[in-house]
């Protein structure tokens, strides 16, 4: 029997750092940011279910944006107060899944190859996440003023999405972990399960501020120009 693979896309953020603009609906190459984030997942041939977590007022508009194969089932659900509440809502909407991919709708440049890589690694280890080396010098500070120490950045990674998990592992994590976390991998780690690291993509930035959107547009234009030149 073939495994059921579901992707959960989080599109319910409040864009608090975008100076009043909704980052998910900002233009990126003629389409909204969230549309680009969905496209790379839809390209994943093994995907069976796509769950979009967003305000109900956006469901109709999102449905119009999506061009999907007939084999891919589309489901919508409202988000929650916290990121993990929104993921939990997505899990409940696809409770039969054997494997989950969890992706931020504000990461429009993740490639289908990255989704495939984290899913392959999750099949081996139970959970997998993409990450890239931290390149900035890091300082630990006190009261945002006094430098306490310079942190060794060599073993550190900046973590991205999509993240992939065994269905049983992710459902257990969301059932047992109640404290606030910044990603699903932290919940899985807290339970003691291994999480594999996959090499991320330097262009897979998260659109959080207006400057991120400008960078994303530059990356997207460069990628489009490269594809047209083939």
Protein backbone atom coordinates (compact mmCIF):
# COMPACT_ATOMS: atom_id res chain seq x y z
CA UNK A 1 0.00 0.00 0.00
CA UNK A 2 1.33 3.43 -0.96
CA UNK A 3 2.08 5.91 1.83
CA UNK A 4 -0.15 8.98 2.12
CA UNK A 5 1.93 12.16 2.01
CA UNK A 6 0.42 15.48 3.08
CA UNK A 7 1.87 18.97 2.93
CA UNK A 8 0.72 21.62 5.39
CA UNK A 9 1.28 25.20 4.27
CA UNK A 10 0.99 27.90 6.91
CA UNK A 11 -0.64 31.00 5.45
CA UNK A 12 -2.25 32.51 8.53
CA UNK A 13 0.43 34.93 9.77
CA UNK A 14 -0.29 38.53 10.72
CA UNK A 15 2.65 40.18 8.86
CA UNK A 16 3.38 42.36 11.88
CA UNK A 17 6.83 43.38 10.58
CA UNK A 18 5.71 44.33 7.06
CA UNK A 19 4.54 47.84 7.97
CA UNK A 20 0.89 47.15 7.30
CA UNK A 21 1.30 45.03 4.16
CA UNK A 22 0.32 41.37 3.98
CA UNK A 23 3.57 39.61 3.08
CA UNK A 24 1.80 36.50 1.77
CA UNK A 25 -0.09 38.52 -0.80
CA UNK A 26 2.73 40.78 -1.92
CA UNK A 27 3.66 40.46 -5.59
CA UNK A 28 6.48 38.13 -6.56
CA UNK A 29 6.92 37.78 -10.30
CA UNK A 30 3.27 38.46 -11.07
CA UNK A 31 1.82 36.16 -8.40
CA UNK A 32 1.39 36.43 -4.62
CA UNK A 33 4.21 35.19 -2.40
CA UNK A 34 1.97 32.44 -1.02
CA UNK A 35 1.23 31.21 -4.53
CA UNK A 36 4.95 30.73 -5.20
CA UNK A 37 5.30 28.85 -1.91
CA UNK A 38 2.54 26.47 -2.95
CA UNK A 39 3.91 25.87 -6.45
CA UNK A 40 7.07 24.06 -5.38
CA UNK A 41 5.09 21.63 -3.23
CA UNK A 42 2.54 20.98 -5.96
CA UNK A 43 5.45 19.93 -8.21
CA UNK A 44 6.26 17.09 -5.79
CA UNK A 45 4.82 14.12 -7.66
CA UNK A 46 4.42 11.89 -4.58
CA UNK A 47 2.25 14.44 -2.73
CA UNK A 48 -1.32 13.26 -2.10
CA UNK A 49 -2.87 16.00 0.06
CA UNK A 50 -2.23 19.74 0.25
CA UNK A 51 -3.60 21.43 3.37
CA UNK A 52 -3.62 25.22 3.42
CA UNK A 53 -3.98 26.83 6.83
CA UNK A 54 -5.35 30.33 6.33
CA UNK A 55 -8.20 32.66 7.26
CA UNK A 56 -11.49 31.45 5.79
CA UNK A 57 -11.84 34.80 4.00
CA UNK A 58 -8.87 33.80 1.83
CA UNK A 59 -9.91 30.23 0.98
CA UNK A 60 -11.81 31.07 -2.19
CA UNK A 61 -9.02 33.30 -3.47
CA UNK A 62 -6.38 30.68 -2.75
CA UNK A 63 -8.35 27.99 -4.53
CA UNK A 64 -8.38 30.12 -7.68
CA UNK A 65 -4.60 30.51 -7.56
CA UNK A 66 -3.81 26.82 -7.43
CA UNK A 67 -3.21 24.71 -10.52
CA UNK A 68 -2.88 21.14 -9.34
CA UNK A 69 -2.93 17.63 -10.80
CA UNK A 70 -6.13 15.66 -10.34
CA UNK A 71 -4.27 13.25 -8.06
CA UNK A 72 -3.65 15.99 -5.46
CA UNK A 73 -6.44 16.61 -2.96
CA UNK A 74 -6.81 20.18 -1.71
CA UNK A 75 -8.05 20.95 1.82
CA UNK A 76 -8.47 24.24 3.71
CA UNK A 77 -8.58 24.92 7.44
CA UNK A 78 -8.50 27.94 9.76
CA UNK A 79 -5.33 28.67 11.70
CA UNK A 80 -4.81 29.09 15.43
CA UNK A 81 -3.29 31.69 17.74
CA UNK A 82 0.21 30.20 17.64
CA UNK A 83 2.19 28.68 14.80
CA UNK A 84 1.96 25.24 16.41
CA UNK A 85 -1.81 25.62 16.76
CA UNK A 86 -2.04 26.23 13.02
CA UNK A 87 0.10 23.18 12.30
CA UNK A 88 -2.11 21.12 14.63
CA UNK A 89 -5.16 22.26 12.66
CA UNK A 90 -3.42 21.15 9.46
CA UNK A 91 -2.59 17.76 10.97
CA UNK A 92 -6.23 17.27 12.00
CA UNK A 93 -7.33 18.10 8.46
CA UNK A 94 -5.12 15.28 7.11
CA UNK A 95 -5.07 12.89 10.05
CA UNK A 96 -4.60 9.86 7.81
CA UNK A 97 -1.20 10.97 6.50
CA UNK A 98 1.81 8.68 6.90
CA UNK A 99 4.21 11.57 6.25
CA UNK A 100 3.90 15.33 6.62
CA UNK A 101 5.73 18.21 5.02
CA UNK A 102 5.27 21.46 6.95
CA UNK A 103 6.09 24.64 5.05
CA UNK A 104 5.86 28.37 5.72
CA UNK A 105 3.76 30.21 3.17
CA UNK A 106 6.27 33.06 3.46
CA UNK A 107 9.11 30.96 1.98
CA UNK A 108 8.35 31.30 -1.75
CA UNK A 109 11.74 30.22 -3.14
CA UNK A 110 12.08 26.71 -1.72
CA UNK A 111 12.58 24.24 -4.57
CA UNK A 112 10.84 20.96 -5.23
CA UNK A 113 14.27 19.32 -4.93
CA UNK A 114 14.53 20.53 -1.32
CA UNK A 115 11.09 19.10 -0.50
CA UNK A 116 12.11 15.77 -1.98
CA UNK A 117 15.39 15.77 -0.05
CA UNK A 118 13.84 16.38 3.37
CA UNK A 119 11.14 13.79 2.69
CA UNK A 120 13.75 11.19 1.70
CA UNK A 121 15.75 11.92 4.87
CA UNK A 122 12.61 11.71 7.02
CA UNK A 123 11.89 8.26 5.61
CA UNK A 124 15.29 7.18 6.97
CA UNK A 125 15.29 8.95 10.34
CA UNK A 126 11.65 9.78 11.11
CA UNK A 127 12.15 13.54 10.85
CA UNK A 128 14.28 15.89 8.75
CA UNK A 129 14.78 19.62 8.40
CA UNK A 130 16.80 21.84 6.05
CA UNK A 131 19.43 24.22 7.40
CA UNK A 132 22.26 26.43 6.22
CA UNK A 133 25.47 27.42 8.05
CA UNK A 134 25.30 30.63 10.08
CA UNK A 135 27.66 33.15 8.48
CA UNK A 136 27.29 36.17 10.77
CA UNK A 137 29.35 36.59 13.92
CA UNK A 138 27.10 35.83 16.89
CA UNK A 139 27.22 37.56 20.27
CA UNK A 140 25.39 36.66 23.47
CA UNK A 141 24.15 39.85 25.15
CA UNK A 142 22.67 40.94 28.46
CA UNK A 143 19.71 43.37 28.45
CA UNK A 144 20.40 44.04 24.76
CA UNK A 145 23.40 46.14 25.78
CA UNK A 146 26.34 44.29 27.25
CA UNK A 147 28.25 41.68 25.27
CA UNK A 148 28.68 38.53 27.35
CA UNK A 149 30.48 36.32 24.85
CA UNK A 150 31.09 35.57 21.20
CA UNK A 151 29.30 32.35 20.25
CA UNK A 152 31.04 29.66 18.20
CA UNK A 153 29.00 29.56 15.01
CA UNK A 154 30.66 26.45 13.51
CA UNK A 155 28.07 23.92 14.77
CA UNK A 156 25.12 26.28 14.28
CA UNK A 157 22.59 26.16 11.45
CA UNK A 158 19.79 28.51 10.43
CA UNK A 159 16.75 26.29 9.98
CA UNK A 160 14.27 26.52 7.14
CA UNK A 161 11.14 24.83 5.86
CA UNK A 162 9.78 22.57 4.44
CA UNK A 163 10.33 20.15 7.31
CA UNK A 164 9.31 16.50 7.01
CA UNK A 165 8.04 14.10 9.66
CA UNK A 166 6.62 10.65 10.14
CA UNK A 167 2.90 10.99 10.72
CA UNK A 168 3.03 9.12 14.02
CA UNK A 169 5.92 11.22 15.32
CA UNK A 170 4.41 14.59 14.42
CA UNK A 171 0.97 13.69 15.78
CA UNK A 172 2.53 12.54 19.05
CA UNK A 173 4.57 15.73 19.32
CA UNK A 174 1.54 17.94 18.90
CA UNK A 175 -0.43 15.88 21.38
CA UNK A 176 2.21 15.96 24.14
CA UNK A 177 4.10 19.25 23.80
CA UNK A 178 2.18 22.26 25.10
CA UNK A 179 4.88 24.90 25.54
CA UNK A 180 5.63 27.52 22.89
CA UNK A 181 8.07 26.48 20.16
CA UNK A 182 9.34 28.11 16.98
CA UNK A 183 9.14 25.06 14.75
CA UNK A 184 7.85 21.49 14.73
CA UNK A 185 11.33 20.00 14.92
CA UNK A 186 11.74 21.49 18.40
CA UNK A 187 8.68 19.53 19.55
CA UNK A 188 10.02 16.31 18.09
CA UNK A 189 13.43 16.92 19.66
CA UNK A 190 11.81 17.47 23.06
CA UNK A 191 10.32 13.98 22.85
CA UNK A 192 13.79 12.56 22.21
CA UNK A 193 13.31 11.54 18.58
CA UNK A 194 16.19 12.07 16.13
CA UNK A 195 15.92 14.86 13.58
CA UNK A 196 18.16 14.71 10.52
CA UNK A 197 19.66 17.81 8.93
CA UNK A 198 19.52 18.31 5.17
CA UNK A 199 21.53 20.99 3.40
CA UNK A 200 19.19 23.93 2.90
CA UNK A 201 19.14 26.55 0.18
CA UNK A 202 20.65 30.00 0.65
CA UNK A 203 17.90 31.50 -1.51
CA UNK A 204 15.17 29.92 0.64
CA UNK A 205 14.61 33.04 2.69
CA UNK A 206 11.52 33.81 4.75
CA UNK A 207 9.71 37.00 3.77
CA UNK A 208 9.33 38.77 7.11
CA UNK A 209 10.27 42.37 6.35
CA UNK A 210 10.02 44.56 3.27
CA UNK A 211 13.74 44.16 2.65
CA UNK A 212 13.24 40.37 2.48
CA UNK A 213 10.65 40.90 -0.23
CA UNK A 214 13.08 43.00 -2.26
CA UNK A 215 15.73 40.27 -1.98
CA UNK A 216 13.20 37.57 -2.89
CA UNK A 217 12.24 39.51 -6.01
CA UNK A 218 15.89 39.73 -7.03
CA UNK A 219 16.41 35.99 -6.54
CA UNK A 220 13.20 35.16 -8.39
CA UNK A 221 14.08 37.39 -11.34
CA UNK A 222 17.55 35.85 -11.58
CA UNK A 223 16.05 32.35 -11.50
CA UNK A 224 13.49 33.24 -14.18
CA UNK A 225 16.18 34.75 -16.41
CA UNK A 226 18.28 31.59 -16.05
CA UNK A 227 15.35 29.37 -16.99
CA UNK A 228 14.52 31.51 -20.03
CA UNK A 229 18.15 31.29 -21.16
CA UNK A 230 18.20 27.48 -21.23
